């Protein structure tokens, strides 16, 4: 396993352990493009963070539904609650 540290100007922010093959691919990409490994790691995180947040939120919503702590609404119910049932 290789480690990758993402840095701010003041201090390390994140250290990631990567399998050697992924580290080699990242290093190769960085060298080929003149960018840093940190740049690509940051880009990958930013690209997928919203998706991960959506998945987590959906999982939590499903747990709440199954536990009876939440319920679903029909479109008509939502429109009525929002005063959109014209």
C-alpha atoms as a PDB file:
ATOM      1  CA  UNK A   1       0.000   0.000   0.000  1.00  0.00           C
ATOM      2  CA  UNK A   2       1.166   3.480  -0.837  1.00  0.00           C
ATOM      3  CA  UNK A   3       0.054   6.637   0.932  1.00  0.00           C
ATOM      4  CA  UNK A   4      -1.009   9.870  -0.683  1.00  0.00           C
ATOM      5  CA  UNK A   5      -1.224  13.043   1.396  1.00  0.00           C
ATOM      6  CA  UNK A   6      -3.321  15.961   0.250  1.00  0.00           C
ATOM      7  CA  UNK A   7      -1.929  19.238   1.584  1.00  0.00           C
ATOM      8  CA  UNK A   8      -3.173  22.717   2.257  1.00  0.00           C
ATOM      9  CA  UNK A   9      -0.664  25.540   2.599  1.00  0.00           C
ATOM     10  CA  UNK A  10      -0.632  25.136   6.381  1.00  0.00           C
ATOM     11  CA  UNK A  11      -0.732  21.379   7.074  1.00  0.00           C
ATOM     12  CA  UNK A  12      -1.656  17.932   5.723  1.00  0.00           C
ATOM     13  CA  UNK A  13      -5.396  17.573   5.352  1.00  0.00           C
ATOM     14  CA  UNK A  14      -5.867  13.978   4.267  1.00  0.00           C
ATOM     15  CA  UNK A  15      -3.772  10.841   3.924  1.00  0.00           C
ATOM     16  CA  UNK A  16      -5.014   8.022   1.706  1.00  0.00           C
ATOM     17  CA  UNK A  17      -3.608   4.511   1.516  1.00  0.00           C
ATOM     18  CA  UNK A  18      -3.762   3.268  -2.051  1.00  0.00           C
ATOM     19  CA  UNK A  19      -3.012  -0.128  -3.544  1.00  0.00           C
ATOM     20  CA  UNK A  20       0.336  -0.068  -5.359  1.00  0.00           C
ATOM     21  CA  UNK A  21      -1.263  -0.506  -8.798  1.00  0.00           C
ATOM     22  CA  UNK A  22      -3.517   2.522  -8.262  1.00  0.00           C
ATOM     23  CA  UNK A  23      -0.579   4.547  -6.958  1.00  0.00           C
ATOM     24  CA  UNK A  24       1.414   3.656 -10.099  1.00  0.00           C
ATOM     25  CA  UNK A  25      -1.486   4.656 -12.369  1.00  0.00           C
ATOM     26  CA  UNK A  26      -1.903   7.934 -10.528  1.00  0.00           C
ATOM     27  CA  UNK A  27       1.832   8.634 -10.698  1.00  0.00           C
ATOM     28  CA  UNK A  28       1.888   7.852 -14.416  1.00  0.00           C
ATOM     29  CA  UNK A  29      -1.070  10.154 -15.085  1.00  0.00           C
ATOM     30  CA  UNK A  30       0.496  12.947 -13.045  1.00  0.00           C
ATOM     31  CA  UNK A  31       3.811  12.684 -14.893  1.00  0.00           C
ATOM     32  CA  UNK A  32       2.152  12.483 -18.301  1.00  0.00           C
ATOM     33  CA  UNK A  33       0.044  15.588 -17.716  1.00  0.00           C
ATOM     34  CA  UNK A  34       2.337  17.709 -15.575  1.00  0.00           C
ATOM     35  CA  UNK A  35      -0.217  17.823 -12.780  1.00  0.00           C
ATOM     36  CA  UNK A  36       0.185  16.508  -9.251  1.00  0.00           C
ATOM     37  CA  UNK A  37      -1.214  13.303  -7.801  1.00  0.00           C
ATOM     38  CA  UNK A  38      -2.954  15.534  -5.264  1.00  0.00           C
ATOM     39  CA  UNK A  39      -4.740  17.361  -8.080  1.00  0.00           C
ATOM     40  CA  UNK A  40      -6.182  14.119  -9.448  1.00  0.00           C
ATOM     41  CA  UNK A  41      -7.087  12.729  -6.033  1.00  0.00           C
ATOM     42  CA  UNK A  42      -8.884  15.965  -5.189  1.00  0.00           C
ATOM     43  CA  UNK A  43     -10.691  15.949  -8.552  1.00  0.00           C
ATOM     44  CA  UNK A  44     -11.831  12.344  -8.038  1.00  0.00           C
ATOM     45  CA  UNK A  45     -13.161  13.117  -4.570  1.00  0.00           C
ATOM     46  CA  UNK A  46     -14.982  16.252  -5.700  1.00  0.00           C
ATOM     47  CA  UNK A  47     -16.440  14.455  -8.717  1.00  0.00           C
ATOM     48  CA  UNK A  48     -17.940  11.662  -6.632  1.00  0.00           C
ATOM     49  CA  UNK A  49     -18.658  13.301  -3.293  1.00  0.00           C
ATOM     50  CA  UNK A  50     -22.155  14.468  -4.239  1.00  0.00           C
ATOM     51  CA  UNK A  51     -23.056  10.969  -5.445  1.00  0.00           C
ATOM     52  CA  UNK A  52     -21.785   9.464  -2.198  1.00  0.00           C
ATOM     53  CA  UNK A  53     -23.792  11.982  -0.191  1.00  0.00           C
ATOM     54  CA  UNK A  54     -26.920  11.134  -2.204  1.00  0.00           C
ATOM     55  CA  UNK A  55     -26.436   7.402  -1.594  1.00  0.00           C
ATOM     56  CA  UNK A  56     -25.922   7.934   2.135  1.00  0.00           C
ATOM     57  CA  UNK A  57     -29.006  10.155   2.368  1.00  0.00           C
ATOM     58  CA  UNK A  58     -31.108   7.615   0.460  1.00  0.00           C
ATOM     59  CA  UNK A  59     -29.907   4.797   2.723  1.00  0.00           C
ATOM     60  CA  UNK A  60     -30.794   6.803   5.828  1.00  0.00           C
ATOM     61  CA  UNK A  61     -34.221   7.637   4.376  1.00  0.00           C
ATOM     62  CA  UNK A  62     -34.872   3.947   3.658  1.00  0.00           C
ATOM     63  CA  UNK A  63     -33.883   2.991   7.204  1.00  0.00           C
ATOM     64  CA  UNK A  64     -36.254   5.629   8.598  1.00  0.00           C
ATOM     65  CA  UNK A  65     -39.076   4.407   6.333  1.00  0.00           C
ATOM     66  CA  UNK A  66     -38.586   0.786   7.375  1.00  0.00           C
ATOM     67  CA  UNK A  67     -38.517   1.800  11.043  1.00  0.00           C
ATOM     68  CA  UNK A  68     -41.771   3.716  10.665  1.00  0.00           C
ATOM     69  CA  UNK A  69     -40.073   7.017  11.503  1.00  0.00           C
ATOM     70  CA  UNK A  70     -40.846   8.507   8.106  1.00  0.00           C
ATOM     71  CA  UNK A  71     -43.404   8.071   5.362  1.00  0.00           C
ATOM     72  CA  UNK A  72     -43.776   8.662   1.667  1.00  0.00           C
ATOM     73  CA  UNK A  73     -46.214  11.096   0.093  1.00  0.00           C
ATOM     74  CA  UNK A  74     -48.049  10.942  -3.195  1.00  0.00           C
ATOM     75  CA  UNK A  75     -47.639  13.777  -5.662  1.00  0.00           C
ATOM     76  CA  UNK A  76     -51.151  14.897  -4.858  1.00  0.00           C
ATOM     77  CA  UNK A  77     -50.359  15.044  -1.129  1.00  0.00           C
ATOM     78  CA  UNK A  78     -47.241  17.121  -1.765  1.00  0.00           C
ATOM     79  CA  UNK A  79     -49.128  19.507  -4.031  1.00  0.00           C
ATOM     80  CA  UNK A  80     -51.863  19.885  -1.416  1.00  0.00           C
ATOM     81  CA  UNK A  81     -49.377  20.526   1.420  1.00  0.00           C
ATOM     82  CA  UNK A  82     -47.591  23.131  -0.681  1.00  0.00           C
ATOM     83  CA  UNK A  83     -50.806  24.781  -1.808  1.00  0.00           C
ATOM     84  CA  UNK A  84     -50.201  23.830  -5.409  1.00  0.00           C
ATOM     85  CA  UNK A  85     -53.429  21.884  -5.918  1.00  0.00           C
ATOM     86  CA  UNK A  86     -55.072  24.388  -8.223  1.00  0.00           C
END
